[in-house]
């Protein structure tokens, strides 16, 4: 485990920066050996960009939720579990506990701690997320949906077999909630980089990568597949 973490931290320390529309110069890459023996090669590129990533701010509503009932204790137990498995502090807890964007319309909670028996399901997906952040494929993002219980998933229009029900999926947005013209090249470039990663490593990681009509992106580790707004492979953002 220590060797794995050292290798991953070494990747995180390499400055990978990029911008859509500029040229790249291939260089040597880094190979990561995962806990189950899989090897991932992440190429290093020499590209420059001047995008400023805004700091994440804990929402007031999350502080109010965590102060209610025994939510703080339950969140901390989940955080400790993830830390012990090497995937803590990758996504802020106030994003990792988010349920669905339609929580209010559905009369459900904006935040939920998954049932304990589902905690381990998120480890492989968070590990993929960790690779993506370490390789700087993902930098400016916001997680919008992780675990959902059955009533919320049904109300929000999720599939009956949604990976969110099992706490094994993460939905996120690239860039700001309301993109400006200068944001679109960055967003499209990040999508392209995600597809590159999925094409190269998705099968070995059993990774699913989807794009919804809302612009939200979905990843899980419950099957190698890709889809787009019409929920089929035909509309996938990875169809170059």
C-alpha atoms as a PDB file:
ATOM      1  CA  UNK A   1       0.000   0.000   0.000  1.00  0.00           C
ATOM      2  CA  UNK A   2       2.838   2.404   0.909  1.00  0.00           C
ATOM      3  CA  UNK A   3       4.535   1.776  -2.445  1.00  0.00           C
ATOM      4  CA  UNK A   4       1.255   2.438  -4.279  1.00  0.00           C
ATOM      5  CA  UNK A   5       0.698   5.727  -2.467  1.00  0.00           C
ATOM      6  CA  UNK A   6       4.296   6.839  -3.130  1.00  0.00           C
ATOM      7  CA  UNK A   7       3.863   6.123  -6.845  1.00  0.00           C
ATOM      8  CA  UNK A   8       0.587   8.007  -6.962  1.00  0.00           C
ATOM      9  CA  UNK A   9       1.956  10.979  -5.076  1.00  0.00           C
ATOM     10  CA  UNK A  10       4.863  11.067  -7.501  1.00  0.00           C
ATOM     11  CA  UNK A  11       2.380  11.457 -10.347  1.00  0.00           C
ATOM     12  CA  UNK A  12       0.504  14.154  -8.448  1.00  0.00           C
ATOM     13  CA  UNK A  13       3.726  16.098  -8.032  1.00  0.00           C
ATOM     14  CA  UNK A  14       4.414  16.233 -11.779  1.00  0.00           C
ATOM     15  CA  UNK A  15       3.134  19.560 -13.220  1.00  0.00           C
ATOM     16  CA  UNK A  16       0.694  18.622 -15.954  1.00  0.00           C
ATOM     17  CA  UNK A  17      -0.954  21.673 -17.489  1.00  0.00           C
ATOM     18  CA  UNK A  18      -2.860  21.969 -20.742  1.00  0.00           C
ATOM     19  CA  UNK A  19      -5.125  24.113 -22.877  1.00  0.00           C
ATOM     20  CA  UNK A  20      -7.383  23.281 -25.779  1.00  0.00           C
ATOM     21  CA  UNK A  21      -6.064  24.528 -29.092  1.00  0.00           C
ATOM     22  CA  UNK A  22      -2.377  24.469 -28.239  1.00  0.00           C
ATOM     23  CA  UNK A  23       0.184  21.934 -29.355  1.00  0.00           C
ATOM     24  CA  UNK A  24       1.563  19.193 -27.159  1.00  0.00           C
ATOM     25  CA  UNK A  25       4.998  17.691 -26.867  1.00  0.00           C
ATOM     26  CA  UNK A  26       4.918  14.052 -25.764  1.00  0.00           C
ATOM     27  CA  UNK A  27       7.330  13.228 -22.994  1.00  0.00           C
ATOM     28  CA  UNK A  28       7.959  10.284 -20.780  1.00  0.00           C
ATOM     29  CA  UNK A  29       5.056   9.131 -18.670  1.00  0.00           C
ATOM     30  CA  UNK A  30       4.418   7.623 -15.288  1.00  0.00           C
ATOM     31  CA  UNK A  31       3.269   4.061 -14.650  1.00  0.00           C
ATOM     32  CA  UNK A  32       1.089   3.420 -11.613  1.00  0.00           C
ATOM     33  CA  UNK A  33       0.545  -0.066 -10.241  1.00  0.00           C
ATOM     34  CA  UNK A  34      -2.843  -0.297  -8.536  1.00  0.00           C
ATOM     35  CA  UNK A  35      -3.676  -2.384  -5.499  1.00  0.00           C
ATOM     36  CA  UNK A  36      -5.000  -5.241  -7.627  1.00  0.00           C
ATOM     37  CA  UNK A  37      -1.884  -5.359  -9.803  1.00  0.00           C
ATOM     38  CA  UNK A  38      -3.168  -3.359 -12.779  1.00  0.00           C
ATOM     39  CA  UNK A  39      -0.680  -0.988 -14.393  1.00  0.00           C
ATOM     40  CA  UNK A  40      -1.746   2.415 -15.677  1.00  0.00           C
ATOM     41  CA  UNK A  41       0.518   4.521 -17.894  1.00  0.00           C
ATOM     42  CA  UNK A  42      -0.307   8.234 -17.759  1.00  0.00           C
ATOM     43  CA  UNK A  43       1.634  10.236 -20.368  1.00  0.00           C
ATOM     44  CA  UNK A  44       3.171  13.515 -19.280  1.00  0.00           C
ATOM     45  CA  UNK A  45       2.702  16.469 -21.606  1.00  0.00           C
ATOM     46  CA  UNK A  46       4.325  19.891 -21.775  1.00  0.00           C
ATOM     47  CA  UNK A  47       1.475  22.337 -22.306  1.00  0.00           C
ATOM     48  CA  UNK A  48       0.652  25.650 -20.690  1.00  0.00           C
ATOM     49  CA  UNK A  49      -2.551  27.325 -19.629  1.00  0.00           C
ATOM     50  CA  UNK A  50      -3.421  30.226 -17.373  1.00  0.00           C
ATOM     51  CA  UNK A  51      -6.790  29.089 -16.045  1.00  0.00           C
ATOM     52  CA  UNK A  52      -7.415  30.017 -12.428  1.00  0.00           C
ATOM     53  CA  UNK A  53      -9.285  27.352 -10.470  1.00  0.00           C
ATOM     54  CA  UNK A  54     -11.504  29.019  -7.831  1.00  0.00           C
ATOM     55  CA  UNK A  55     -11.238  27.711  -4.267  1.00  0.00           C
ATOM     56  CA  UNK A  56     -14.036  25.479  -3.028  1.00  0.00           C
ATOM     57  CA  UNK A  57     -16.203  27.011  -0.319  1.00  0.00           C
ATOM     58  CA  UNK A  58     -18.221  24.928   2.137  1.00  0.00           C
ATOM     59  CA  UNK A  59     -21.913  25.843   1.611  1.00  0.00           C
ATOM     60  CA  UNK A  60     -23.851  27.199   4.559  1.00  0.00           C
ATOM     61  CA  UNK A  61     -26.578  24.609   3.973  1.00  0.00           C
ATOM     62  CA  UNK A  62     -24.029  21.800   4.388  1.00  0.00           C
ATOM     63  CA  UNK A  63     -22.870  23.215   7.721  1.00  0.00           C
ATOM     64  CA  UNK A  64     -26.506  23.357   8.828  1.00  0.00           C
ATOM     65  CA  UNK A  65     -27.132  19.769   7.722  1.00  0.00           C
ATOM     66  CA  UNK A  66     -24.006  18.387   9.362  1.00  0.00           C
ATOM     67  CA  UNK A  67     -24.941  20.051  12.660  1.00  0.00           C
ATOM     68  CA  UNK A  68     -28.317  18.281  12.736  1.00  0.00           C
ATOM     69  CA  UNK A  69     -28.999  14.899  14.332  1.00  0.00           C
ATOM     70  CA  UNK A  70     -25.905  12.643  14.285  1.00  0.00           C
ATOM     71  CA  UNK A  71     -24.829  13.613  10.776  1.00  0.00           C
ATOM     72  CA  UNK A  72     -21.400  14.852  11.885  1.00  0.00           C
ATOM     73  CA  UNK A  73     -20.554  11.547  13.543  1.00  0.00           C
ATOM     74  CA  UNK A  74     -21.725   9.528  10.534  1.00  0.00           C
ATOM     75  CA  UNK A  75     -19.839  11.713   8.053  1.00  0.00           C
ATOM     76  CA  UNK A  76     -16.656  11.472  10.095  1.00  0.00           C
ATOM     77  CA  UNK A  77     -16.913   7.670  10.297  1.00  0.00           C
ATOM     78  CA  UNK A  78     -17.268   7.520   6.519  1.00  0.00           C
ATOM     79  CA  UNK A  79     -14.327   9.906   6.055  1.00  0.00           C
ATOM     80  CA  UNK A  80     -12.125   7.769   8.310  1.00  0.00           C
ATOM     81  CA  UNK A  81     -13.103   4.645   6.359  1.00  0.00           C
ATOM     82  CA  UNK A  82     -12.124   6.280   3.055  1.00  0.00           C
ATOM     83  CA  UNK A  83      -8.863   7.611   4.508  1.00  0.00           C
ATOM     84  CA  UNK A  84      -7.912   4.139   5.723  1.00  0.00           C
ATOM     85  CA  UNK A  85      -8.466   2.838   2.188  1.00  0.00           C
ATOM     86  CA  UNK A  86      -6.302   5.495   0.567  1.00  0.00           C
ATOM     87  CA  UNK A  87      -9.094   7.494  -1.065  1.00  0.00           C
ATOM     88  CA  UNK A  88      -9.804  10.179   1.509  1.00  0.00           C
ATOM     89  CA  UNK A  89      -9.721  13.919   0.856  1.00  0.00           C
ATOM     90  CA  UNK A  90     -10.009  13.564  -2.923  1.00  0.00           C
ATOM     91  CA  UNK A  91     -13.445  15.163  -3.090  1.00  0.00           C
ATOM     92  CA  UNK A  92     -14.626  17.569  -0.365  1.00  0.00           C
ATOM     93  CA  UNK A  93     -17.172  15.949   1.930  1.00  0.00           C
ATOM     94  CA  UNK A  94     -19.779  18.586   1.144  1.00  0.00           C
ATOM     95  CA  UNK A  95     -19.650  17.404  -2.483  1.00  0.00           C
ATOM     96  CA  UNK A  96     -19.192  13.694  -1.740  1.00  0.00           C
ATOM     97  CA  UNK A  97     -22.416  13.653   0.331  1.00  0.00           C
ATOM     98  CA  UNK A  98     -24.528  15.256  -2.396  1.00  0.00           C
ATOM     99  CA  UNK A  99     -27.479  13.214  -3.583  1.00  0.00           C
ATOM    100  CA  UNK A 100     -29.143  14.543  -6.751  1.00  0.00           C
ATOM    101  CA  UNK A 101     -29.724  17.927  -8.320  1.00  0.00           C
ATOM    102  CA  UNK A 102     -33.497  17.344  -8.054  1.00  0.00           C
ATOM    103  CA  UNK A 103     -33.416  16.677  -4.307  1.00  0.00           C
ATOM    104  CA  UNK A 104     -35.617  19.655  -3.460  1.00  0.00           C
ATOM    105  CA  UNK A 105     -38.233  18.928  -6.112  1.00  0.00           C
ATOM    106  CA  UNK A 106     -38.344  15.353  -4.833  1.00  0.00           C
ATOM    107  CA  UNK A 107     -38.723  16.383  -1.208  1.00  0.00           C
ATOM    108  CA  UNK A 108     -35.548  14.589  -0.163  1.00  0.00           C
ATOM    109  CA  UNK A 109     -32.297  15.619   1.493  1.00  0.00           C
ATOM    110  CA  UNK A 110     -29.549  17.389  -0.440  1.00  0.00           C
ATOM    111  CA  UNK A 111     -26.976  15.365   1.502  1.00  0.00           C
ATOM    112  CA  UNK A 112     -26.868  11.719   2.568  1.00  0.00           C
ATOM    113  CA  UNK A 113     -24.333   9.387   4.145  1.00  0.00           C
ATOM    114  CA  UNK A 114     -24.526   6.001   2.374  1.00  0.00           C
ATOM    115  CA  UNK A 115     -25.429   2.931   4.369  1.00  0.00           C
ATOM    116  CA  UNK A 116     -22.305   1.359   5.855  1.00  0.00           C
ATOM    117  CA  UNK A 117     -22.623  -1.807   3.763  1.00  0.00           C
ATOM    118  CA  UNK A 118     -22.225   0.348   0.631  1.00  0.00           C
ATOM    119  CA  UNK A 119     -19.109   2.240   1.674  1.00  0.00           C
ATOM    120  CA  UNK A 120     -16.630  -0.122   0.022  1.00  0.00           C
ATOM    121  CA  UNK A 121     -18.412   0.231  -3.346  1.00  0.00           C
ATOM    122  CA  UNK A 122     -17.088   3.775  -3.730  1.00  0.00           C
ATOM    123  CA  UNK A 123     -13.412   2.877  -3.261  1.00  0.00           C
ATOM    124  CA  UNK A 124     -12.668   1.807  -6.900  1.00  0.00           C
ATOM    125  CA  UNK A 125     -14.463   4.843  -8.326  1.00  0.00           C
ATOM    126  CA  UNK A 126     -12.700   7.247  -5.977  1.00  0.00           C
ATOM    127  CA  UNK A 127      -9.430   5.574  -6.940  1.00  0.00           C
ATOM    128  CA  UNK A 128     -10.140   6.379 -10.615  1.00  0.00           C
ATOM    129  CA  UNK A 129     -11.029   9.930  -9.606  1.00  0.00           C
ATOM    130  CA  UNK A 130      -7.711  10.089  -7.768  1.00  0.00           C
ATOM    131  CA  UNK A 131      -5.848   9.066 -10.936  1.00  0.00           C
ATOM    132  CA  UNK A 132      -7.684  11.734 -12.933  1.00  0.00           C
ATOM    133  CA  UNK A 133      -6.852  14.474 -10.431  1.00  0.00           C
ATOM    134  CA  UNK A 134      -3.238  13.318 -10.044  1.00  0.00           C
ATOM    135  CA  UNK A 135      -2.749  13.366 -13.811  1.00  0.00           C
ATOM    136  CA  UNK A 136      -4.407  16.807 -13.971  1.00  0.00           C
ATOM    137  CA  UNK A 137      -7.061  15.489 -16.317  1.00  0.00           C
ATOM    138  CA  UNK A 138      -9.518  16.948 -13.803  1.00  0.00           C
ATOM    139  CA  UNK A 139      -8.761  20.232 -12.075  1.00  0.00           C
ATOM    140  CA  UNK A 140     -11.743  22.599 -12.230  1.00  0.00           C
ATOM    141  CA  UNK A 141     -14.757  20.410 -11.398  1.00  0.00           C
ATOM    142  CA  UNK A 142     -17.680  20.167  -8.992  1.00  0.00           C
ATOM    143  CA  UNK A 143     -19.243  16.888  -7.886  1.00  0.00           C
ATOM    144  CA  UNK A 144     -23.034  17.144  -8.044  1.00  0.00           C
ATOM    145  CA  UNK A 145     -24.378  13.653  -7.247  1.00  0.00           C
ATOM    146  CA  UNK A 146     -23.007  10.543  -5.551  1.00  0.00           C
ATOM    147  CA  UNK A 147     -25.247   8.324  -3.387  1.00  0.00           C
ATOM    148  CA  UNK A 148     -29.044   8.311  -3.780  1.00  0.00           C
ATOM    149  CA  UNK A 149     -31.608   6.238  -1.964  1.00  0.00           C
ATOM    150  CA  UNK A 150     -34.333   4.493  -3.949  1.00  0.00           C
ATOM    151  CA  UNK A 151     -37.142   7.109  -3.571  1.00  0.00           C
ATOM    152  CA  UNK A 152     -34.867   9.953  -4.648  1.00  0.00           C
ATOM    153  CA  UNK A 153     -33.383   8.000  -7.545  1.00  0.00           C
ATOM    154  CA  UNK A 154     -36.847   7.142  -8.864  1.00  0.00           C
ATOM    155  CA  UNK A 155     -38.081  10.719  -8.512  1.00  0.00           C
ATOM    156  CA  UNK A 156     -34.939  12.118 -10.168  1.00  0.00           C
ATOM    157  CA  UNK A 157     -35.404   9.826 -13.182  1.00  0.00           C
ATOM    158  CA  UNK A 158     -32.468   7.558 -12.443  1.00  0.00           C
ATOM    159  CA  UNK A 159     -32.292   4.089 -13.967  1.00  0.00           C
ATOM    160  CA  UNK A 160     -33.634   1.193 -11.905  1.00  0.00           C
ATOM    161  CA  UNK A 161     -30.117  -0.233 -11.833  1.00  0.00           C
ATOM    162  CA  UNK A 162     -28.432   3.139 -11.278  1.00  0.00           C
ATOM    163  CA  UNK A 163     -24.941   2.834  -9.814  1.00  0.00           C
ATOM    164  CA  UNK A 164     -25.815   5.751  -7.551  1.00  0.00           C
ATOM    165  CA  UNK A 165     -28.093   3.392  -5.603  1.00  0.00           C
ATOM    166  CA  UNK A 166     -25.047   1.297  -4.741  1.00  0.00           C
ATOM    167  CA  UNK A 167     -22.764   4.242  -3.938  1.00  0.00           C
ATOM    168  CA  UNK A 168     -20.423   3.370  -6.791  1.00  0.00           C
ATOM    169  CA  UNK A 169     -20.924   6.339  -9.144  1.00  0.00           C
ATOM    170  CA  UNK A 170     -19.934  10.000  -9.225  1.00  0.00           C
ATOM    171  CA  UNK A 171     -21.551  12.734 -11.322  1.00  0.00           C
ATOM    172  CA  UNK A 172     -19.702  16.007 -11.780  1.00  0.00           C
ATOM    173  CA  UNK A 173     -19.592  19.188 -13.789  1.00  0.00           C
ATOM    174  CA  UNK A 174     -16.514  20.655 -15.498  1.00  0.00           C
ATOM    175  CA  UNK A 175     -15.957  24.354 -14.952  1.00  0.00           C
ATOM    176  CA  UNK A 176     -18.486  26.831 -13.541  1.00  0.00           C
ATOM    177  CA  UNK A 177     -22.201  26.167 -13.214  1.00  0.00           C
ATOM    178  CA  UNK A 178     -22.897  28.935 -15.736  1.00  0.00           C
ATOM    179  CA  UNK A 179     -20.045  28.788 -18.284  1.00  0.00           C
ATOM    180  CA  UNK A 180     -18.887  31.912 -20.046  1.00  0.00           C
ATOM    181  CA  UNK A 181     -17.573  31.881 -23.646  1.00  0.00           C
ATOM    182  CA  UNK A 182     -13.992  31.655 -22.412  1.00  0.00           C
ATOM    183  CA  UNK A 183     -14.815  28.471 -20.452  1.00  0.00           C
ATOM    184  CA  UNK A 184     -15.929  26.294 -23.362  1.00  0.00           C
ATOM    185  CA  UNK A 185     -12.531  25.476 -24.798  1.00  0.00           C
ATOM    186  CA  UNK A 186     -11.399  24.286 -21.370  1.00  0.00           C
ATOM    187  CA  UNK A 187     -14.561  22.210 -20.883  1.00  0.00           C
ATOM    188  CA  UNK A 188     -14.251  20.539 -24.280  1.00  0.00           C
ATOM    189  CA  UNK A 189     -10.558  19.894 -23.801  1.00  0.00           C
ATOM    190  CA  UNK A 190     -11.238  18.243 -20.447  1.00  0.00           C
ATOM    191  CA  UNK A 191     -13.892  16.022 -22.024  1.00  0.00           C
ATOM    192  CA  UNK A 192     -11.382  15.016 -24.677  1.00  0.00           C
ATOM    193  CA  UNK A 193      -8.809  14.167 -22.016  1.00  0.00           C
ATOM    194  CA  UNK A 194     -11.370  12.119 -20.097  1.00  0.00           C
ATOM    195  CA  UNK A 195     -12.137  10.150 -23.239  1.00  0.00           C
ATOM    196  CA  UNK A 196      -8.458   9.564 -23.850  1.00  0.00           C
ATOM    197  CA  UNK A 197      -8.103   8.185 -20.337  1.00  0.00           C
ATOM    198  CA  UNK A 198     -11.211   6.018 -20.734  1.00  0.00           C
ATOM    199  CA  UNK A 199     -10.032   4.672 -24.110  1.00  0.00           C
ATOM    200  CA  UNK A 200      -6.614   3.756 -22.740  1.00  0.00           C
ATOM    201  CA  UNK A 201      -7.479   2.545 -19.245  1.00  0.00           C
ATOM    202  CA  UNK A 202     -11.258   2.163 -19.019  1.00  0.00           C
ATOM    203  CA  UNK A 203     -11.351  -1.536 -19.780  1.00  0.00           C
ATOM    204  CA  UNK A 204      -8.722  -2.475 -17.197  1.00  0.00           C
ATOM    205  CA  UNK A 205     -10.482  -0.292 -14.610  1.00  0.00           C
ATOM    206  CA  UNK A 206     -13.990  -1.527 -15.551  1.00  0.00           C
ATOM    207  CA  UNK A 207     -14.836   2.157 -15.973  1.00  0.00           C
ATOM    208  CA  UNK A 208     -18.073   3.622 -17.244  1.00  0.00           C
ATOM    209  CA  UNK A 209     -18.025   7.176 -18.650  1.00  0.00           C
ATOM    210  CA  UNK A 210     -21.202   8.991 -19.622  1.00  0.00           C
ATOM    211  CA  UNK A 211     -22.363  12.458 -20.607  1.00  0.00           C
ATOM    212  CA  UNK A 212     -25.922  13.594 -19.896  1.00  0.00           C
ATOM    213  CA  UNK A 213     -27.927  16.253 -21.728  1.00  0.00           C
ATOM    214  CA  UNK A 214     -27.526  18.495 -18.661  1.00  0.00           C
ATOM    215  CA  UNK A 215     -23.761  18.532 -19.224  1.00  0.00           C
ATOM    216  CA  UNK A 216     -23.105  16.410 -16.129  1.00  0.00           C
ATOM    217  CA  UNK A 217     -20.504  13.686 -16.520  1.00  0.00           C
ATOM    218  CA  UNK A 218     -20.835  10.278 -14.881  1.00  0.00           C
ATOM    219  CA  UNK A 219     -18.111   7.825 -13.958  1.00  0.00           C
ATOM    220  CA  UNK A 220     -18.318   4.478 -12.176  1.00  0.00           C
ATOM    221  CA  UNK A 221     -16.378   1.233 -12.021  1.00  0.00           C
ATOM    222  CA  UNK A 222     -19.246  -1.148 -12.655  1.00  0.00           C
ATOM    223  CA  UNK A 223     -18.723  -1.858 -16.349  1.00  0.00           C
ATOM    224  CA  UNK A 224     -16.608  -0.726 -19.290  1.00  0.00           C
ATOM    225  CA  UNK A 225     -18.990   1.355 -21.399  1.00  0.00           C
ATOM    226  CA  UNK A 226     -19.724   4.884 -22.580  1.00  0.00           C
ATOM    227  CA  UNK A 227     -22.867   6.817 -23.500  1.00  0.00           C
ATOM    228  CA  UNK A 228     -24.172  10.264 -24.331  1.00  0.00           C
ATOM    229  CA  UNK A 229     -27.350  12.368 -24.024  1.00  0.00           C
ATOM    230  CA  UNK A 230     -29.567   9.756 -25.688  1.00  0.00           C
ATOM    231  CA  UNK A 231     -28.142   7.161 -23.240  1.00  0.00           C
ATOM    232  CA  UNK A 232     -26.545   5.162 -26.049  1.00  0.00           C
ATOM    233  CA  UNK A 233     -22.994   4.722 -27.288  1.00  0.00           C
ATOM    234  CA  UNK A 234     -23.961   6.584 -30.476  1.00  0.00           C
ATOM    235  CA  UNK A 235     -24.053   9.966 -28.725  1.00  0.00           C
ATOM    236  CA  UNK A 236     -21.002   9.431 -26.512  1.00  0.00           C
ATOM    237  CA  UNK A 237     -18.558  12.324 -26.267  1.00  0.00           C
ATOM    238  CA  UNK A 238     -15.871   9.706 -26.886  1.00  0.00           C
ATOM    239  CA  UNK A 239     -16.961   9.135 -30.501  1.00  0.00           C
ATOM    240  CA  UNK A 240     -14.135  11.077 -32.128  1.00  0.00           C
END
